[in-house]
């Protein structure tokens, strides 16, 4: 069984999105049910997005192309070892 976790994205919190989830998804965790200090439940998100996000958040971008270029550079720096560790932390 898969449990879907809500996050804070505005499109994920909309009344319409929540209605669709309640009707069509048997098991999901709404953002309101997570403690504000609870660590991220998704190890892939934490480990794989963490490093690029930290690098990206440190700078200002001239335009969208500059942001895309830096994101692509960050992606190629993610090692297979990090991906393997992140995926290995998923519950069986």
PDB file of N, CA and C in Angstrom:
ATOM      1  N   UNK A   1       0.840  -1.174   0.000  1.00  0.00           N
ATOM      2  CA  UNK A   1       0.000   0.000   0.000  1.00  0.00           C
ATOM      3  C   UNK A   1       0.887   1.239   0.000  1.00  0.00           C
ATOM      4  N   UNK A   2       0.455   2.270  -0.665  1.00  0.00           N
ATOM      5  CA  UNK A   2       1.176   3.530  -0.755  1.00  0.00           C
ATOM      6  C   UNK A   2       0.403   4.589   0.028  1.00  0.00           C
ATOM      7  N   UNK A   3       1.125   5.364   0.815  1.00  0.00           N
ATOM      8  CA  UNK A   3       0.519   6.484   1.517  1.00  0.00           C
ATOM      9  C   UNK A   3       1.018   7.761   0.877  1.00  0.00           C
ATOM     10  N   UNK A   4       0.109   8.629   0.488  1.00  0.00           N
ATOM     11  CA  UNK A   4       0.483   9.901  -0.122  1.00  0.00           C
ATOM     12  C   UNK A   4       0.554  10.953   0.968  1.00  0.00           C
ATOM     13  N   UNK A   5       1.581  11.788   0.909  1.00  0.00           N
ATOM     14  CA  UNK A   5       1.790  12.837   1.894  1.00  0.00           C
ATOM     15  C   UNK A   5       1.571  14.186   1.245  1.00  0.00           C
ATOM     16  N   UNK A   6       0.759  15.016   1.869  1.00  0.00           N
ATOM     17  CA  UNK A   6       0.557  16.380   1.387  1.00  0.00           C
ATOM     18  C   UNK A   6       1.778  17.221   1.750  1.00  0.00           C
ATOM     19  N   UNK A   7       2.023  18.230   0.963  1.00  0.00           N
ATOM     20  CA  UNK A   7       3.045  19.202   1.326  1.00  0.00           C
ATOM     21  C   UNK A   7       2.413  20.586   1.273  1.00  0.00           C
ATOM     22  N   UNK A   8       3.207  21.609   1.426  1.00  0.00           N
ATOM     23  CA  UNK A   8       2.675  22.953   1.541  1.00  0.00           C
ATOM     24  C   UNK A   8       2.432  23.695   0.245  1.00  0.00           C
ATOM     25  N   UNK A   9       2.597  23.053  -0.899  1.00  0.00           N
ATOM     26  CA  UNK A   9       2.377  23.742  -2.173  1.00  0.00           C
ATOM     27  C   UNK A   9       0.931  24.220  -2.259  1.00  0.00           C
ATOM     28  N   UNK A  10       0.709  25.463  -2.656  1.00  0.00           N
ATOM     29  CA  UNK A  10      -0.664  25.986  -2.722  1.00  0.00           C
ATOM     30  C   UNK A  10      -1.606  25.121  -3.559  1.00  0.00           C
ATOM     31  N   UNK A  11      -1.127  24.598  -4.669  1.00  0.00           N
ATOM     32  CA  UNK A  11      -2.001  23.765  -5.508  1.00  0.00           C
ATOM     33  C   UNK A  11      -2.363  22.453  -4.822  1.00  0.00           C
ATOM     34  N   UNK A  12      -1.541  22.000  -3.910  1.00  0.00           N
ATOM     35  CA  UNK A  12      -1.815  20.755  -3.190  1.00  0.00           C
ATOM     36  C   UNK A  12      -2.766  20.983  -2.016  1.00  0.00           C
ATOM     37  N   UNK A  13      -2.903  22.216  -1.567  1.00  0.00           N
ATOM     38  CA  UNK A  13      -3.757  22.541  -0.422  1.00  0.00           C
ATOM     39  C   UNK A  13      -5.131  23.056  -0.831  1.00  0.00           C
ATOM     40  N   UNK A  14      -5.371  23.190  -2.114  1.00  0.00           N
ATOM     41  CA  UNK A  14      -6.636  23.774  -2.562  1.00  0.00           C
ATOM     42  C   UNK A  14      -7.811  22.881  -2.186  1.00  0.00           C
ATOM     43  N   UNK A  15      -8.966  23.471  -2.040  1.00  0.00           N
ATOM     44  CA  UNK A  15     -10.180  22.732  -1.693  1.00  0.00           C
ATOM     45  C   UNK A  15     -10.460  21.658  -2.744  1.00  0.00           C
ATOM     46  N   UNK A  16     -10.248  22.001  -4.008  1.00  0.00           N
ATOM     47  CA  UNK A  16     -10.522  21.068  -5.098  1.00  0.00           C
ATOM     48  C   UNK A  16      -9.570  19.863  -5.058  1.00  0.00           C
ATOM     49  N   UNK A  17      -8.293  20.134  -4.823  1.00  0.00           N
ATOM     50  CA  UNK A  17      -7.321  19.043  -4.743  1.00  0.00           C
ATOM     51  C   UNK A  17      -7.642  18.120  -3.586  1.00  0.00           C
ATOM     52  N   UNK A  18      -7.940  18.693  -2.427  1.00  0.00           N
ATOM     53  CA  UNK A  18      -8.270  17.868  -1.260  1.00  0.00           C
ATOM     54  C   UNK A  18      -9.524  17.037  -1.496  1.00  0.00           C
ATOM     55  N   UNK A  19     -10.519  17.605  -2.176  1.00  0.00           N
ATOM     56  CA  UNK A  19     -11.740  16.853  -2.483  1.00  0.00           C
ATOM     57  C   UNK A  19     -11.429  15.663  -3.388  1.00  0.00           C
ATOM     58  N   UNK A  20     -10.574  15.878  -4.384  1.00  0.00           N
ATOM     59  CA  UNK A  20     -10.190  14.783  -5.293  1.00  0.00           C
ATOM     60  C   UNK A  20      -9.456  13.690  -4.522  1.00  0.00           C
ATOM     61  N   UNK A  21      -8.531  14.092  -3.652  1.00  0.00           N
ATOM     62  CA  UNK A  21      -7.785  13.106  -2.864  1.00  0.00           C
ATOM     63  C   UNK A  21      -8.713  12.318  -1.942  1.00  0.00           C
ATOM     64  N   UNK A  22      -9.615  13.011  -1.257  1.00  0.00           N
ATOM     65  CA  UNK A  22     -10.523  12.332  -0.339  1.00  0.00           C
ATOM     66  C   UNK A  22     -11.423  11.342  -1.074  1.00  0.00           C
ATOM     67  N   UNK A  23     -11.779  11.649  -2.298  1.00  0.00           N
ATOM     68  CA  UNK A  23     -12.652  10.787  -3.080  1.00  0.00           C
ATOM     69  C   UNK A  23     -11.896   9.629  -3.731  1.00  0.00           C
ATOM     70  N   UNK A  24     -10.675   9.879  -4.185  1.00  0.00           N
ATOM     71  CA  UNK A  24      -9.982   8.907  -5.037  1.00  0.00           C
ATOM     72  C   UNK A  24      -8.750   8.233  -4.432  1.00  0.00           C
ATOM     73  N   UNK A  25      -8.230   8.739  -3.339  1.00  0.00           N
ATOM     74  CA  UNK A  25      -7.003   8.175  -2.769  1.00  0.00           C
ATOM     75  C   UNK A  25      -7.349   7.570  -1.411  1.00  0.00           C
ATOM     76  N   UNK A  26      -7.076   6.295  -1.278  1.00  0.00           N
ATOM     77  CA  UNK A  26      -7.486   5.599  -0.063  1.00  0.00           C
ATOM     78  C   UNK A  26      -6.694   6.016   1.171  1.00  0.00           C
ATOM     79  N   UNK A  27      -5.453   6.436   1.004  1.00  0.00           N
ATOM     80  CA  UNK A  27      -4.632   6.750   2.168  1.00  0.00           C
ATOM     81  C   UNK A  27      -3.705   7.922   1.856  1.00  0.00           C
ATOM     82  N   UNK A  28      -3.953   9.054   2.492  1.00  0.00           N
ATOM     83  CA  UNK A  28      -3.033  10.174   2.349  1.00  0.00           C
ATOM     84  C   UNK A  28      -2.992  10.965   3.652  1.00  0.00           C
ATOM     85  N   UNK A  29      -1.867  11.630   3.876  1.00  0.00           N
ATOM     86  CA  UNK A  29      -1.662  12.429   5.080  1.00  0.00           C
ATOM     87  C   UNK A  29      -1.788  13.881   4.686  1.00  0.00           C
ATOM     88  N   UNK A  30      -2.776  14.561   5.222  1.00  0.00           N
ATOM     89  CA  UNK A  30      -2.960  15.980   4.938  1.00  0.00           C
ATOM     90  C   UNK A  30      -1.905  16.782   5.670  1.00  0.00           C
ATOM     91  N   UNK A  31      -1.543  17.908   5.115  1.00  0.00           N
ATOM     92  CA  UNK A  31      -0.553  18.787   5.730  1.00  0.00           C
ATOM     93  C   UNK A  31      -0.955  19.153   7.149  1.00  0.00           C
ATOM     94  N   UNK A  32      -2.237  19.367   7.385  1.00  0.00           N
ATOM     95  CA  UNK A  32      -2.707  19.772   8.711  1.00  0.00           C
ATOM     96  C   UNK A  32      -2.498  18.691   9.763  1.00  0.00           C
ATOM     97  N   UNK A  33      -2.268  17.447   9.336  1.00  0.00           N
ATOM     98  CA  UNK A  33      -2.070  16.346  10.284  1.00  0.00           C
ATOM     99  C   UNK A  33      -0.600  16.111  10.617  1.00  0.00           C
ATOM    100  N   UNK A  34       0.282  16.857   9.961  1.00  0.00           N
ATOM    101  CA  UNK A  34       1.713  16.728  10.237  1.00  0.00           C
ATOM    102  C   UNK A  34       2.135  17.820  11.208  1.00  0.00           C
ATOM    103  N   UNK A  35       2.977  17.450  12.152  1.00  0.00           N
ATOM    104  CA  UNK A  35       3.505  18.449  13.087  1.00  0.00           C
ATOM    105  C   UNK A  35       4.434  19.392  12.335  1.00  0.00           C
ATOM    106  N   UNK A  36       4.428  20.642  12.712  1.00  0.00           N
ATOM    107  CA  UNK A  36       5.269  21.638  12.030  1.00  0.00           C
ATOM    108  C   UNK A  36       6.748  21.298  12.120  1.00  0.00           C
ATOM    109  N   UNK A  37       7.140  20.624  13.183  1.00  0.00           N
ATOM    110  CA  UNK A  37       8.552  20.298  13.368  1.00  0.00           C
ATOM    111  C   UNK A  37       8.896  18.888  12.927  1.00  0.00           C
ATOM    112  N   UNK A  38       7.938  18.158  12.378  1.00  0.00           N
ATOM    113  CA  UNK A  38       8.182  16.782  11.961  1.00  0.00           C
ATOM    114  C   UNK A  38       9.128  16.764  10.767  1.00  0.00           C
ATOM    115  N   UNK A  39      10.141  15.910  10.797  1.00  0.00           N
ATOM    116  CA  UNK A  39      11.043  15.834   9.649  1.00  0.00           C
ATOM    117  C   UNK A  39      10.309  15.322   8.422  1.00  0.00           C
ATOM    118  N   UNK A  40      10.868  15.627   7.279  1.00  0.00           N
ATOM    119  CA  UNK A  40      10.271  15.198   6.018  1.00  0.00           C
ATOM    120  C   UNK A  40      10.159  13.678   5.996  1.00  0.00           C
ATOM    121  N   UNK A  41       9.005  13.173   5.607  1.00  0.00           N
ATOM    122  CA  UNK A  41       8.778  11.734   5.562  1.00  0.00           C
ATOM    123  C   UNK A  41       9.318  11.103   4.287  1.00  0.00           C
ATOM    124  N   UNK A  42       9.799  11.903   3.377  1.00  0.00           N
ATOM    125  CA  UNK A  42      10.248  11.403   2.091  1.00  0.00           C
ATOM    126  C   UNK A  42      11.772  11.508   2.016  1.00  0.00           C
ATOM    127  N   UNK A  43      12.506  10.397   2.223  1.00  0.00           N
ATOM    128  CA  UNK A  43      13.972  10.461   2.221  1.00  0.00           C
ATOM    129  C   UNK A  43      14.550  10.871   0.878  1.00  0.00           C
ATOM    130  N   UNK A  44      13.882  10.523  -0.219  1.00  0.00           N
ATOM    131  CA  UNK A  44      14.389  10.912  -1.530  1.00  0.00           C
ATOM    132  C   UNK A  44      14.358  12.429  -1.657  1.00  0.00           C
ATOM    133  N   UNK A  45      13.253  13.023  -1.234  1.00  0.00           N
ATOM    134  CA  UNK A  45      13.137  14.481  -1.279  1.00  0.00           C
ATOM    135  C   UNK A  45      14.214  15.118  -0.413  1.00  0.00           C
ATOM    136  N   UNK A  46      14.369  14.607   0.793  1.00  0.00           N
ATOM    137  CA  UNK A  46      15.333  15.174   1.740  1.00  0.00           C
ATOM    138  C   UNK A  46      16.766  15.083   1.223  1.00  0.00           C
ATOM    139  N   UNK A  47      17.176  13.889   0.846  1.00  0.00           N
ATOM    140  CA  UNK A  47      18.574  13.674   0.460  1.00  0.00           C
ATOM    141  C   UNK A  47      18.901  14.182  -0.932  1.00  0.00           C
ATOM    142  N   UNK A  48      18.011  13.963  -1.874  1.00  0.00           N
ATOM    143  CA  UNK A  48      18.352  14.308  -3.254  1.00  0.00           C
ATOM    144  C   UNK A  48      18.104  15.783  -3.537  1.00  0.00           C
ATOM    145  N   UNK A  49      17.034  16.364  -2.994  1.00  0.00           N
ATOM    146  CA  UNK A  49      16.764  17.776  -3.243  1.00  0.00           C
ATOM    147  C   UNK A  49      17.506  18.679  -2.268  1.00  0.00           C
ATOM    148  N   UNK A  50      17.917  18.152  -1.132  1.00  0.00           N
ATOM    149  CA  UNK A  50      18.533  18.975  -0.089  1.00  0.00           C
ATOM    150  C   UNK A  50      19.764  19.745  -0.537  1.00  0.00           C
ATOM    151  N   UNK A  51      20.724  19.039  -1.122  1.00  0.00           N
ATOM    152  CA  UNK A  51      21.980  19.684  -1.524  1.00  0.00           C
ATOM    153  C   UNK A  51      21.772  20.717  -2.634  1.00  0.00           C
ATOM    154  N   UNK A  52      21.093  20.369  -3.730  1.00  0.00           N
ATOM    155  CA  UNK A  52      20.876  21.390  -4.772  1.00  0.00           C
ATOM    156  C   UNK A  52      20.065  22.573  -4.258  1.00  0.00           C
ATOM    157  N   UNK A  53      19.067  22.294  -3.428  1.00  0.00           N
ATOM    158  CA  UNK A  53      18.234  23.376  -2.897  1.00  0.00           C
ATOM    159  C   UNK A  53      19.075  24.345  -2.065  1.00  0.00           C
ATOM    160  N   UNK A  54      19.977  23.793  -1.276  1.00  0.00           N
ATOM    161  CA  UNK A  54      20.844  24.646  -0.464  1.00  0.00           C
ATOM    162  C   UNK A  54      21.733  25.523  -1.340  1.00  0.00           C
ATOM    163  N   UNK A  55      22.301  24.947  -2.393  1.00  0.00           N
ATOM    164  CA  UNK A  55      23.148  25.722  -3.301  1.00  0.00           C
ATOM    165  C   UNK A  55      22.344  26.786  -4.042  1.00  0.00           C
ATOM    166  N   UNK A  56      21.172  26.408  -4.533  1.00  0.00           N
ATOM    167  CA  UNK A  56      20.334  27.324  -5.305  1.00  0.00           C
ATOM    168  C   UNK A  56      19.831  28.477  -4.440  1.00  0.00           C
ATOM    169  N   UNK A  57      19.467  28.181  -3.201  1.00  0.00           N
ATOM    170  CA  UNK A  57      18.914  29.218  -2.322  1.00  0.00           C
ATOM    171  C   UNK A  57      19.942  30.262  -1.886  1.00  0.00           C
ATOM    172  N   UNK A  58      21.207  29.983  -2.103  1.00  0.00           N
ATOM    173  CA  UNK A  58      22.260  30.915  -1.694  1.00  0.00           C
ATOM    174  C   UNK A  58      22.477  32.069  -2.670  1.00  0.00           C
ATOM    175  N   UNK A  59      21.891  31.996  -3.842  1.00  0.00           N
ATOM    176  CA  UNK A  59      22.204  33.005  -4.853  1.00  0.00           C
ATOM    177  C   UNK A  59      20.953  33.608  -5.479  1.00  0.00           C
ATOM    178  N   UNK A  60      21.166  34.724  -6.125  1.00  0.00           N
ATOM    179  CA  UNK A  60      20.095  35.374  -6.882  1.00  0.00           C
ATOM    180  C   UNK A  60      20.336  35.087  -8.356  1.00  0.00           C
ATOM    181  N   UNK A  61      19.248  34.941  -9.099  1.00  0.00           N
ATOM    182  CA  UNK A  61      19.356  34.594 -10.502  1.00  0.00           C
ATOM    183  C   UNK A  61      18.951  35.760 -11.371  1.00  0.00           C
ATOM    184  N   UNK A  62      19.704  35.939 -12.438  1.00  0.00           N
ATOM    185  CA  UNK A  62      19.434  37.028 -13.376  1.00  0.00           C
ATOM    186  C   UNK A  62      18.143  36.786 -14.141  1.00  0.00           C
ATOM    187  N   UNK A  63      17.885  35.500 -14.462  1.00  0.00           N
ATOM    188  CA  UNK A  63      16.703  35.141 -15.253  1.00  0.00           C
ATOM    189  C   UNK A  63      16.448  33.650 -15.108  1.00  0.00           C
ATOM    190  N   UNK A  64      15.387  33.181 -15.720  1.00  0.00           N
ATOM    191  CA  UNK A  64      15.001  31.768 -15.617  1.00  0.00           C
ATOM    192  C   UNK A  64      16.039  30.852 -16.255  1.00  0.00           C
ATOM    193  N   UNK A  65      16.681  31.307 -17.318  1.00  0.00           N
ATOM    194  CA  UNK A  65      17.707  30.479 -17.962  1.00  0.00           C
ATOM    195  C   UNK A  65      18.902  30.263 -17.045  1.00  0.00           C
ATOM    196  N   UNK A  66      19.259  31.284 -16.289  1.00  0.00           N
ATOM    197  CA  UNK A  66      20.349  31.164 -15.323  1.00  0.00           C
ATOM    198  C   UNK A  66      19.986  30.134 -14.254  1.00  0.00           C
ATOM    199  N   UNK A  67      18.750  30.179 -13.758  1.00  0.00           N
ATOM    200  CA  UNK A  67      18.278  29.208 -12.770  1.00  0.00           C
ATOM    201  C   UNK A  67      18.316  27.793 -13.350  1.00  0.00           C
ATOM    202  N   UNK A  68      17.806  27.621 -14.560  1.00  0.00           N
ATOM    203  CA  UNK A  68      17.802  26.306 -15.206  1.00  0.00           C
ATOM    204  C   UNK A  68      19.213  25.754 -15.365  1.00  0.00           C
ATOM    205  N   UNK A  69      20.130  26.621 -15.762  1.00  0.00           N
ATOM    206  CA  UNK A  69      21.520  26.204 -15.948  1.00  0.00           C
ATOM    207  C   UNK A  69      22.112  25.703 -14.635  1.00  0.00           C
ATOM    208  N   UNK A  70      21.882  26.447 -13.561  1.00  0.00           N
ATOM    209  CA  UNK A  70      22.417  26.038 -12.262  1.00  0.00           C
ATOM    210  C   UNK A  70      21.753  24.759 -11.741  1.00  0.00           C
ATOM    211  N   UNK A  71      20.439  24.616 -11.955  1.00  0.00           N
ATOM    212  CA  UNK A  71      19.759  23.387 -11.550  1.00  0.00           C
ATOM    213  C   UNK A  71      20.318  22.180 -12.295  1.00  0.00           C
ATOM    214  N   UNK A  72      20.538  22.324 -13.597  1.00  0.00           N
ATOM    215  CA  UNK A  72      21.119  21.226 -14.378  1.00  0.00           C
ATOM    216  C   UNK A  72      22.515  20.878 -13.881  1.00  0.00           C
ATOM    217  N   UNK A  73      23.297  21.885 -13.534  1.00  0.00           N
ATOM    218  CA  UNK A  73      24.646  21.640 -13.002  1.00  0.00           C
ATOM    219  C   UNK A  73      24.580  20.881 -11.684  1.00  0.00           C
ATOM    220  N   UNK A  74      23.625  21.248 -10.832  1.00  0.00           N
ATOM    221  CA  UNK A  74      23.460  20.558  -9.547  1.00  0.00           C
ATOM    222  C   UNK A  74      23.055  19.103  -9.747  1.00  0.00           C
ATOM    223  N   UNK A  75      22.166  18.848 -10.704  1.00  0.00           N
ATOM    224  CA  UNK A  75      21.694  17.483 -10.928  1.00  0.00           C
ATOM    225  C   UNK A  75      22.830  16.547 -11.294  1.00  0.00           C
ATOM    226  N   UNK A  76      23.749  17.008 -12.130  1.00  0.00           N
ATOM    227  CA  UNK A  76      24.839  16.117 -12.549  1.00  0.00           C
ATOM    228  C   UNK A  76      25.824  15.849 -11.419  1.00  0.00           C
ATOM    229  N   UNK A  77      25.791  16.668 -10.373  1.00  0.00           N
ATOM    230  CA  UNK A  77      26.687  16.462  -9.226  1.00  0.00           C
ATOM    231  C   UNK A  77      26.129  15.448  -8.219  1.00  0.00           C
ATOM    232  N   UNK A  78      24.872  15.035  -8.362  1.00  0.00           N
ATOM    233  CA  UNK A  78      24.291  14.062  -7.432  1.00  0.00           C
ATOM    234  C   UNK A  78      24.825  12.683  -7.787  1.00  0.00           C
ATOM    235  N   UNK A  79      25.486  12.060  -6.836  1.00  0.00           N
ATOM    236  CA  UNK A  79      26.107  10.761  -7.109  1.00  0.00           C
ATOM    237  C   UNK A  79      25.086   9.627  -6.997  1.00  0.00           C
ATOM    238  N   UNK A  80      25.395   8.536  -7.642  1.00  0.00           N
ATOM    239  CA  UNK A  80      24.548   7.345  -7.555  1.00  0.00           C
ATOM    240  C   UNK A  80      24.492   6.849  -6.118  1.00  0.00           C
ATOM    241  N   UNK A  81      25.560   7.051  -5.365  1.00  0.00           N
ATOM    242  CA  UNK A  81      25.587   6.623  -3.958  1.00  0.00           C
ATOM    243  C   UNK A  81      24.509   7.341  -3.143  1.00  0.00           C
ATOM    244  N   UNK A  82      24.362   8.639  -3.352  1.00  0.00           N
ATOM    245  CA  UNK A  82      23.328   9.398  -2.648  1.00  0.00           C
ATOM    246  C   UNK A  82      21.941   8.891  -3.028  1.00  0.00           C
ATOM    247  N   UNK A  83      21.731   8.626  -4.308  1.00  0.00           N
ATOM    248  CA  UNK A  83      20.436   8.108  -4.768  1.00  0.00           C
ATOM    249  C   UNK A  83      20.157   6.748  -4.149  1.00  0.00           C
ATOM    250  N   UNK A  84      21.153   5.880  -4.127  1.00  0.00           N
ATOM    251  CA  UNK A  84      20.995   4.538  -3.561  1.00  0.00           C
ATOM    252  C   UNK A  84      20.661   4.610  -2.072  1.00  0.00           C
ATOM    253  N   UNK A  85      21.334   5.477  -1.335  1.00  0.00           N
ATOM    254  CA  UNK A  85      21.054   5.646   0.094  1.00  0.00           C
ATOM    255  C   UNK A  85      19.625   6.150   0.306  1.00  0.00           C
ATOM    256  N   UNK A  86      19.213   7.146  -0.478  1.00  0.00           N
ATOM    257  CA  UNK A  86      17.877   7.717  -0.337  1.00  0.00           C
ATOM    258  C   UNK A  86      16.805   6.666  -0.603  1.00  0.00           C
ATOM    259  N   UNK A  87      16.954   5.937  -1.688  1.00  0.00           N
ATOM    260  CA  UNK A  87      15.967   4.913  -2.042  1.00  0.00           C
ATOM    261  C   UNK A  87      15.981   3.794  -1.010  1.00  0.00           C
ATOM    262  N   UNK A  88      17.146   3.470  -0.488  1.00  0.00           N
ATOM    263  CA  UNK A  88      17.273   2.415   0.523  1.00  0.00           C
ATOM    264  C   UNK A  88      16.605   2.738   1.844  1.00  0.00           C
ATOM    265  N   UNK A  89      16.330   4.014   2.101  1.00  0.00           N
ATOM    266  CA  UNK A  89      15.692   4.414   3.341  1.00  0.00           C
ATOM    267  C   UNK A  89      14.173   4.316   3.296  1.00  0.00           C
ATOM    268  N   UNK A  90      13.597   4.025   2.142  1.00  0.00           N
ATOM    269  CA  UNK A  90      12.143   3.836   2.046  1.00  0.00           C
ATOM    270  C   UNK A  90      11.749   2.616   2.838  1.00  0.00           C
ATOM    271  N   UNK A  91      10.629   2.679   3.485  1.00  0.00           N
ATOM    272  CA  UNK A  91      10.103   1.526   4.208  1.00  0.00           C
ATOM    273  C   UNK A  91       9.697   0.448   3.206  1.00  0.00           C
ATOM    274  N   UNK A  92       9.891  -0.756   3.581  1.00  0.00           N
ATOM    275  CA  UNK A  92       9.504  -1.874   2.698  1.00  0.00           C
ATOM    276  C   UNK A  92       8.007  -2.067   2.772  1.00  0.00           C
TER     277      UNK A  92
END
